[in-house]
Amino acid sequence: MIDTNQIAAALEAREYKQAAQLIKQFQKESPENPWVQYYIGRYYELTNNLDKAATTYKQILRDITNPKIASQARQGIQRIETAQQNLREQAIESAKNDPSSQEPGLLILEAVSPEDKPAAIQNISRIFQTDIYTTRMQIQSRGWRLYKTGPIAELRVYGQELIGVGIPVFWATLADIQKIQIFQVQYFQSVSSPAVVCKDRLDRLGSIEFSWSEVTQQVEGLLPIFIDIMDYSPNRRNEEFRHKEITQDYAQVCDLHLPSRNCILRICDQNYEFQQGFDFTKSSEAIPASPTGKNKKARRPNSPQVPQSTTRINWNNLLEMLDEQLDVTVWSEFTPFAETVLDYTHMLSKIDSHIEVDRKSETPWDPAFQLYSGLAFMRNRGNS
């Protein structure tokens, strides 16, 4: 009969092979003994398998009522959290030796499925030492969230740890996003052999010929266009009339990513010259189809009761053409992402939006879209 003191002594002496044999024999002899799970957890902890150790200790707290074992399990969890925090700090300090490690960066939390959410909440709370309620409110079921900003070395360490526990994240530096070339498309000269007339960041007009196969992903977004109105309320004693900003309309933006050229072709319905180049006033049936026709989708009006403007009809025809030609990932959840970044006004003020929309005043929505598209571009390259 195995004595638990034998197991404890073997673990204390770092005789892990012997300890494993004793634990296995102990489990065979006394499978219902609650100390079995504790020593399994302790073995994992001492052999530096911290994730399995933490899982075992937490299972003990759920399933075992023995107060002494529960106390030992809590102490084990505390030791593991302290060890992981120390490892994290060491990794951050080590990464700081790289001169580029202090570049400002962003850590993006992707959507978490409902079934994965409980575990994600626990892990994020542990890694960032935040309370459960706050973490629960920050996890989104759709779209991305800007979760943390700071030196890229620190974000990379956090990101790798999060990925290690199955949480979808990625990170990028603002400098890398700003290195992406943005060309504002004025119109398509040709669709079958794609060519566009566009402006660069210096507002110089030129043309770009490319292949549809160079486009690896597409990013779409709606940018609100605001107007000021006089808002009347008889309930206000001193000021019945007030200026109020409301959304009048939306500018539609579509980005085509060409990573092999480190550039984005940006198309916006507010400045696209539909009277030039390829004729999008034709019906969608007249638009040339790709050989595969894989990605065809119907671009229906937002509301069948409201007649569409000519620009909107032409824009939908343009999008249908892109659907015909491309079979790529389409990122279209800009709005929920923007709602997580609009308060970062200082950061957004440093980002050139490369968006030409007639506005009375600047809005953070424009650089927020540039950030969203740039992040999608960097995500496609992979974390580094």
Protein backbone atom coordinates (compact mmCIF):
# COMPACT_ATOMS: atom_id res chain seq x y z
CA MET A 1 0.00 0.00 0.00
CA ILE A 2 1.41 3.37 -1.07
CA ASP A 3 1.82 5.95 1.69
CA THR A 4 1.25 9.60 0.70
CA ASN A 5 4.37 10.48 2.67
CA GLN A 6 6.38 8.47 0.13
CA ILE A 7 4.95 10.56 -2.72
CA ALA A 8 5.60 13.81 -0.86
CA ALA A 9 9.18 12.76 -0.11
CA ALA A 10 9.87 11.83 -3.75
CA LEU A 11 8.50 15.17 -4.95
CA GLU A 12 10.50 17.04 -2.32
CA ALA A 13 13.67 15.23 -3.41
CA ARG A 14 12.88 16.03 -7.07
CA GLU A 15 12.75 12.34 -7.86
CA TYR A 16 10.00 12.98 -10.37
CA LYS A 17 10.21 9.66 -12.20
CA GLN A 18 9.81 7.80 -8.92
CA ALA A 19 7.04 10.19 -7.84
CA ALA A 20 5.13 9.54 -11.06
CA GLN A 21 5.32 5.79 -10.49
CA LEU A 22 4.14 6.16 -6.89
CA ILE A 23 1.23 8.42 -7.90
CA LYS A 24 0.19 5.97 -10.60
CA GLN A 25 0.27 3.08 -8.13
CA PHE A 26 -1.57 5.16 -5.52
CA GLN A 27 -4.30 6.00 -8.04
CA LYS A 28 -4.65 2.33 -8.93
CA GLU A 29 -4.94 1.27 -5.29
CA SER A 30 -7.16 4.13 -4.08
CA PRO A 31 -8.88 5.78 -7.07
CA GLU A 32 -11.44 7.52 -4.83
CA ASN A 33 -8.86 8.99 -2.46
CA PRO A 34 -9.02 12.82 -2.85
CA TRP A 35 -5.25 13.10 -2.29
CA VAL A 36 -4.67 11.42 -5.65
CA GLN A 37 -5.76 14.52 -7.56
CA TYR A 38 -3.74 16.81 -5.31
CA TYR A 39 -0.50 14.93 -5.89
CA ILE A 40 -1.18 14.79 -9.63
CA GLY A 41 -1.51 18.57 -9.56
CA ARG A 42 1.59 18.94 -7.41
CA TYR A 43 3.55 16.71 -9.80
CA TYR A 44 2.49 18.87 -12.77
CA GLU A 45 3.44 22.01 -10.87
CA LEU A 46 6.91 20.83 -9.91
CA THR A 47 7.64 19.53 -13.42
CA ASN A 48 6.76 22.99 -14.77
CA ASN A 49 3.54 21.92 -16.49
CA LEU A 50 1.76 24.88 -14.98
CA ASP A 51 -1.38 24.89 -17.13
CA LYS A 52 -2.20 21.26 -16.31
CA ALA A 53 -1.38 21.89 -12.65
CA ALA A 54 -3.74 24.87 -12.49
CA THR A 55 -6.50 22.86 -14.19
CA THR A 56 -6.07 20.02 -11.70
CA TYR A 57 -6.11 22.34 -8.68
CA LYS A 58 -9.24 24.09 -9.93
CA GLN A 59 -10.92 20.73 -10.47
CA ILE A 60 -10.11 19.86 -6.85
CA LEU A 61 -11.84 23.05 -5.67
CA ARG A 62 -14.92 22.11 -7.70
CA ASP A 63 -15.14 18.44 -6.75
CA ILE A 64 -13.47 17.90 -3.36
CA THR A 65 -14.82 19.13 -0.04
CA ASN A 66 -11.90 18.09 2.17
CA PRO A 67 -10.83 21.46 3.68
CA LYS A 68 -7.15 20.53 3.99
CA ILE A 69 -6.87 19.43 0.36
CA ALA A 70 -8.86 22.47 -0.81
CA SER A 71 -6.49 24.75 1.11
CA GLN A 72 -3.47 23.06 -0.47
CA ALA A 73 -5.05 23.44 -3.92
CA ARG A 74 -5.65 27.18 -3.36
CA GLN A 75 -2.04 27.60 -2.31
CA GLY A 76 -0.97 25.75 -5.45
CA ILE A 77 -3.04 28.06 -7.65
CA GLN A 78 -1.50 31.08 -5.94
CA ARG A 79 2.02 29.73 -6.48
CA ILE A 80 1.30 29.10 -10.16
CA GLU A 81 -0.13 32.58 -10.70
CA THR A 82 2.92 34.12 -9.03
CA ALA A 83 5.27 31.98 -11.13
CA GLN A 84 3.46 32.88 -14.35
CA GLN A 85 3.55 36.57 -13.45
CA ASN A 86 7.30 36.34 -12.83
CA LEU A 87 7.85 34.55 -16.14
CA ARG A 88 5.78 37.20 -17.92
CA GLU A 89 7.79 40.04 -16.37
CA GLN A 90 11.07 38.32 -17.24
CA ALA A 91 9.95 37.85 -20.84
CA ILE A 92 8.98 41.53 -21.11
CA GLU A 93 12.33 42.64 -19.67
CA SER A 94 14.20 40.32 -22.01
CA ALA A 95 12.26 41.61 -25.02
CA LYS A 96 13.20 45.19 -24.17
CA ASN A 97 16.75 44.51 -25.37
CA ASP A 98 15.45 44.85 -28.93
CA PRO A 99 15.54 48.58 -29.88
CA SER A 100 12.23 48.27 -31.75
CA SER A 101 10.51 46.74 -28.73
CA GLN A 102 9.36 50.11 -27.41
CA GLU A 103 7.36 50.94 -30.54
CA PRO A 104 3.75 51.83 -29.63
CA GLY A 105 1.49 48.91 -30.40
CA LEU A 106 -2.03 47.56 -30.09
CA LEU A 107 -3.30 44.24 -28.78
CA ILE A 108 -6.53 43.19 -30.48
CA LEU A 109 -8.94 40.72 -28.93
CA GLU A 110 -11.00 38.87 -31.51
CA ALA A 111 -14.52 37.54 -31.05
CA VAL A 112 -14.92 34.66 -28.60
CA SER A 113 -17.59 32.01 -29.12
CA PRO A 114 -20.21 31.56 -26.36
CA GLU A 115 -18.93 28.08 -25.49
CA ASP A 116 -15.36 29.38 -25.08
CA LYS A 117 -16.33 32.53 -23.19
CA PRO A 118 -16.25 31.16 -19.58
CA ALA A 119 -12.69 29.85 -19.96
CA ALA A 120 -11.61 33.02 -21.77
CA ILE A 121 -12.95 35.19 -18.95
CA GLN A 122 -11.02 33.20 -16.36
CA ASN A 123 -7.77 33.27 -18.34
CA ILE A 124 -7.91 36.95 -19.27
CA SER A 125 -8.72 37.88 -15.66
CA ARG A 126 -5.75 35.84 -14.48
CA ILE A 127 -3.28 37.15 -17.05
CA PHE A 128 -4.21 40.82 -16.71
CA GLN A 129 -5.23 40.59 -13.04
CA THR A 130 -8.65 42.12 -13.66
CA ASP A 131 -11.93 41.28 -12.00
CA ILE A 132 -14.31 38.81 -13.60
CA TYR A 133 -17.12 41.32 -14.17
CA THR A 134 -14.89 43.79 -16.05
CA THR A 135 -13.44 41.03 -18.19
CA ARG A 136 -16.87 39.65 -19.03
CA MET A 137 -17.98 43.07 -20.29
CA GLN A 138 -14.89 43.38 -22.50
CA ILE A 139 -15.22 40.10 -24.38
CA GLN A 140 -17.16 40.45 -27.62
CA SER A 141 -19.12 37.80 -29.46
CA ARG A 142 -18.57 39.57 -32.80
CA GLY A 143 -15.92 41.85 -34.19
CA TRP A 144 -12.64 42.96 -32.66
CA ARG A 145 -11.83 44.95 -29.54
CA LEU A 146 -8.81 47.13 -28.95
CA TYR A 147 -7.89 45.51 -25.65
CA LYS A 148 -4.58 47.10 -24.72
CA THR A 149 -2.04 49.61 -25.98
CA GLY A 150 1.60 49.94 -25.00
CA PRO A 151 5.13 48.94 -26.02
CA ILE A 152 4.96 46.17 -28.59
CA ALA A 153 7.37 43.96 -26.60
CA GLU A 154 4.94 43.85 -23.69
CA LEU A 155 1.93 43.27 -25.94
CA ARG A 156 3.72 40.45 -27.75
CA VAL A 157 4.35 38.63 -24.45
CA TYR A 158 0.72 39.02 -23.40
CA GLY A 159 -0.48 37.99 -26.85
CA GLN A 160 1.60 34.82 -26.95
CA GLU A 161 0.33 33.83 -23.51
CA LEU A 162 -3.28 34.45 -24.55
CA ILE A 163 -2.86 32.41 -27.72
CA GLY A 164 -1.34 29.66 -25.60
CA VAL A 165 -4.62 29.31 -23.70
CA GLY A 166 -6.75 29.42 -26.83
CA ILE A 167 -7.79 33.09 -26.86
CA PRO A 168 -7.77 34.63 -30.37
CA VAL A 169 -5.64 37.79 -30.38
CA PHE A 170 -3.14 39.56 -32.59
CA TRP A 171 -0.93 42.60 -32.26
CA ALA A 172 0.67 45.25 -34.46
CA THR A 173 2.60 48.49 -34.20
CA LEU A 174 1.24 51.82 -35.36
CA ALA A 175 4.49 52.34 -37.27
CA ASP A 176 3.93 49.20 -39.37
CA ILE A 177 0.35 50.23 -40.12
CA GLN A 178 1.52 53.67 -41.23
CA LYS A 179 4.02 52.08 -43.63
CA ILE A 180 1.18 50.62 -45.71
CA GLN A 181 0.68 52.63 -48.90
CA ILE A 182 -2.87 53.85 -49.46
CA PHE A 183 -4.10 54.66 -52.96
CA GLN A 184 -7.49 56.35 -53.28
CA VAL A 185 -9.22 54.89 -56.30
CA GLN A 186 -10.88 57.45 -58.56
CA TYR A 187 -12.26 54.91 -61.01
CA PHE A 188 -11.65 51.54 -62.67
CA GLN A 189 -10.22 51.82 -66.16
CA SER A 190 -10.70 48.12 -66.76
CA VAL A 191 -12.19 45.16 -64.90
CA SER A 192 -11.21 42.10 -66.94
CA SER A 193 -7.54 43.15 -66.74
CA PRO A 194 -7.92 45.29 -63.64
CA ALA A 195 -6.52 48.78 -63.72
CA VAL A 196 -7.45 51.80 -61.62
CA VAL A 197 -6.80 55.51 -61.73
CA CYS A 198 -5.93 56.63 -58.21
CA LYS A 199 -4.26 59.22 -56.01
CA ASP A 200 -1.34 58.61 -53.70
CA ARG A 201 -0.82 60.19 -50.28
CA LEU A 202 0.63 63.30 -51.94
CA ASP A 203 -2.54 63.66 -54.04
CA ARG A 204 -0.69 62.77 -57.24
CA LEU A 205 -2.82 61.14 -59.92
CA GLY A 206 -1.63 57.93 -61.54
CA SER A 207 -2.74 54.46 -62.58
CA ILE A 208 -2.12 50.97 -61.23
CA GLU A 209 -2.50 47.71 -63.10
CA PHE A 210 -2.83 44.59 -60.99
CA SER A 211 -4.16 41.05 -61.00
CA TRP A 212 -7.24 39.99 -59.06
CA SER A 213 -5.15 37.19 -57.58
CA GLU A 214 -3.03 39.81 -55.80
CA VAL A 215 -6.02 40.86 -53.70
CA THR A 216 -5.97 38.74 -50.54
CA GLN A 217 -8.78 40.34 -48.54
CA GLN A 218 -11.40 43.04 -48.61
CA VAL A 219 -12.44 45.48 -45.87
CA GLU A 220 -15.78 47.29 -45.84
CA GLY A 221 -17.13 49.96 -43.54
CA LEU A 222 -19.74 52.66 -43.09
CA LEU A 223 -18.54 56.09 -41.96
CA PRO A 224 -21.23 58.34 -40.48
CA ILE A 225 -21.70 61.79 -42.00
CA PHE A 226 -22.93 64.25 -39.39
CA ILE A 227 -24.96 67.44 -39.55
CA ASP A 228 -25.84 69.99 -36.87
CA ILE A 229 -29.48 70.66 -36.09
CA MET A 230 -31.34 72.77 -33.57
CA ASP A 231 -32.91 70.48 -31.00
CA TYR A 232 -36.00 71.85 -29.27
CA SER A 233 -37.21 70.71 -25.85
CA PRO A 234 -39.75 72.68 -23.80
CA ASN A 235 -38.59 70.81 -20.69
CA ARG A 236 -35.28 72.68 -20.63
CA ARG A 237 -35.78 75.83 -18.58
CA ASN A 238 -32.84 77.95 -19.66
CA GLU A 239 -32.16 76.63 -23.12
CA GLU A 240 -35.09 75.27 -25.09
CA PHE A 241 -33.02 75.16 -28.30
CA ARG A 242 -29.66 73.43 -28.46
CA HIS A 243 -27.24 72.49 -31.21
CA LYS A 244 -27.23 68.74 -31.72
CA GLU A 245 -25.15 66.56 -34.02
CA ILE A 246 -26.98 63.75 -35.77
CA THR A 247 -26.08 61.24 -38.45
CA GLN A 248 -27.38 62.35 -41.83
CA ASP A 249 -25.93 59.61 -44.01
CA TYR A 250 -23.06 57.16 -44.33
CA ALA A 251 -20.02 57.10 -46.58
CA GLN A 252 -19.30 53.60 -47.83
CA VAL A 253 -15.68 52.52 -48.04
CA CYS A 254 -14.19 49.36 -49.50
CA ASP A 255 -10.49 48.50 -49.28
CA LEU A 256 -8.69 45.95 -51.43
CA HIS A 257 -5.51 44.61 -49.84
CA LEU A 258 -2.49 43.84 -52.01
CA PRO A 259 0.14 42.67 -49.48
CA SER A 260 2.68 41.73 -52.16
CA ARG A 261 2.87 45.46 -52.96
CA ASN A 262 2.35 46.58 -49.35
CA CYS A 263 -0.59 48.67 -50.47
CA ILE A 264 -4.32 49.16 -50.13
CA LEU A 265 -6.62 50.33 -52.90
CA ARG A 266 -9.30 52.40 -51.18
CA ILE A 267 -12.66 52.93 -52.87
CA CYS A 268 -15.21 55.38 -51.42
CA ASP A 269 -18.65 56.12 -52.80
CA GLN A 270 -18.26 59.81 -51.90
CA ASN A 271 -15.48 60.47 -54.41
CA TYR A 272 -15.59 57.59 -56.89
CA GLU A 273 -16.04 58.99 -60.41
CA PHE A 274 -18.75 56.74 -61.80
CA GLN A 275 -18.88 58.75 -65.03
CA GLN A 276 -15.28 57.80 -65.80
CA GLY A 277 -13.75 54.49 -66.82
CA PHE A 278 -15.70 51.24 -66.54
CA ASP A 279 -19.46 51.78 -66.79
CA PHE A 280 -21.12 50.68 -63.54
CA THR A 281 -24.44 52.13 -64.64
CA LYS A 282 -25.02 48.80 -66.40
CA SER A 283 -27.01 46.12 -64.67
CA SER A 284 -25.02 43.59 -62.68
CA GLU A 285 -25.67 40.98 -65.38
CA ALA A 286 -23.52 43.03 -67.76
CA ILE A 287 -20.51 43.00 -65.44
CA PRO A 288 -17.83 40.51 -66.51
CA ALA A 289 -17.77 37.43 -64.33
CA SER A 290 -14.63 35.76 -63.07
CA PRO A 291 -13.81 32.28 -64.43
CA THR A 292 -14.69 30.68 -61.08
CA GLY A 293 -17.61 32.86 -59.98
CA LYS A 294 -17.02 31.56 -56.45
CA ASN A 295 -17.95 34.57 -54.41
CA LYS A 296 -21.11 35.89 -56.02
CA LYS A 297 -23.43 37.60 -53.53
CA ALA A 298 -26.52 39.69 -54.06
CA ARG A 299 -26.10 43.35 -53.11
CA ARG A 300 -29.66 44.28 -52.29
CA PRO A 301 -30.91 47.72 -51.29
CA ASN A 302 -30.91 48.38 -47.56
CA SER A 303 -34.64 49.05 -47.68
CA PRO A 304 -36.85 47.91 -50.58
CA GLN A 305 -39.36 50.67 -49.79
CA VAL A 306 -36.84 53.49 -50.32
CA PRO A 307 -35.75 54.23 -53.90
CA GLN A 308 -32.01 54.10 -54.32
CA SER A 309 -30.00 57.04 -55.60
CA THR A 310 -27.97 56.65 -58.77
CA THR A 311 -24.76 56.68 -56.74
CA ARG A 312 -26.04 53.92 -54.47
CA ILE A 313 -27.09 51.78 -57.43
CA ASN A 314 -23.71 52.27 -59.09
CA TRP A 315 -21.94 51.51 -55.81
CA ASN A 316 -23.86 48.26 -55.40
CA ASN A 317 -22.97 47.33 -58.98
CA LEU A 318 -19.31 48.01 -58.20
CA LEU A 319 -19.49 45.78 -55.12
CA GLU A 320 -21.19 43.05 -57.13
CA MET A 321 -18.33 43.25 -59.61
CA LEU A 322 -15.86 42.74 -56.76
CA ASP A 323 -17.92 39.81 -55.50
CA GLU A 324 -17.73 38.27 -58.97
CA GLN A 325 -13.98 38.71 -59.27
CA LEU A 326 -12.80 37.91 -55.75
CA ASP A 327 -12.96 34.89 -53.48
CA VAL A 328 -11.33 36.39 -50.39
CA THR A 329 -12.05 37.13 -46.74
CA VAL A 330 -14.28 40.19 -46.31
CA TRP A 331 -13.88 42.08 -43.03
CA SER A 332 -17.10 44.02 -42.50
CA GLU A 333 -17.47 44.47 -38.73
CA PHE A 334 -15.89 47.90 -38.58
CA THR A 335 -18.60 49.56 -36.48
CA PRO A 336 -18.28 47.34 -33.35
CA PHE A 337 -14.50 47.74 -33.54
CA ALA A 338 -14.75 51.52 -33.92
CA GLU A 339 -16.87 51.73 -30.79
CA THR A 340 -13.91 50.33 -28.82
CA VAL A 341 -11.37 52.85 -30.19
CA LEU A 342 -13.21 56.17 -30.59
CA ASP A 343 -12.20 57.26 -27.08
CA TYR A 344 -8.50 56.92 -28.00
CA THR A 345 -8.59 60.40 -29.48
CA HIS A 346 -4.89 61.15 -29.00
CA MET A 347 -3.83 57.98 -30.81
CA LEU A 348 -6.36 58.47 -33.62
CA SER A 349 -5.27 62.08 -34.11
CA LYS A 350 -1.84 60.78 -35.18
CA ILE A 351 -3.28 58.49 -37.87
CA ASP A 352 -3.74 59.87 -41.38
CA SER A 353 -7.13 58.54 -42.45
CA HIS A 354 -6.54 58.75 -46.24
CA ILE A 355 -10.30 59.26 -46.57
CA GLU A 356 -11.81 62.13 -48.54
CA VAL A 357 -15.29 62.82 -47.21
CA ASP A 358 -16.76 66.32 -47.24
CA ARG A 359 -17.04 67.19 -43.54
CA LYS A 360 -17.42 70.41 -41.59
CA SER A 361 -15.10 69.11 -38.90
CA GLU A 362 -12.82 66.15 -38.34
CA THR A 363 -14.20 62.98 -36.81
CA PRO A 364 -12.37 60.03 -35.21
CA TRP A 365 -14.42 57.66 -37.36
CA ASP A 366 -12.16 58.24 -40.38
CA PRO A 367 -8.82 57.33 -38.73
CA ALA A 368 -10.63 54.50 -36.93
CA PHE A 369 -11.39 52.92 -40.31
CA GLN A 370 -7.79 53.39 -41.42
CA LEU A 371 -6.74 51.64 -38.22
CA TYR A 372 -9.24 48.80 -38.74
CA SER A 373 -8.14 48.17 -42.30
CA GLY A 374 -4.47 48.46 -41.37
CA LEU A 375 -4.92 45.95 -38.55
CA ALA A 376 -6.62 43.52 -40.94
CA PHE A 377 -3.66 43.98 -43.29
CA MET A 378 -1.16 43.24 -40.51
CA ARG A 379 -3.21 40.32 -39.18
CA ASN A 380 -3.03 38.72 -42.61
CA ARG A 381 0.76 38.89 -42.39
CA GLY A 382 0.72 37.10 -39.05
CA ASN A 383 1.98 37.98 -35.56
CA SER A 384 5.69 38.53 -35.25
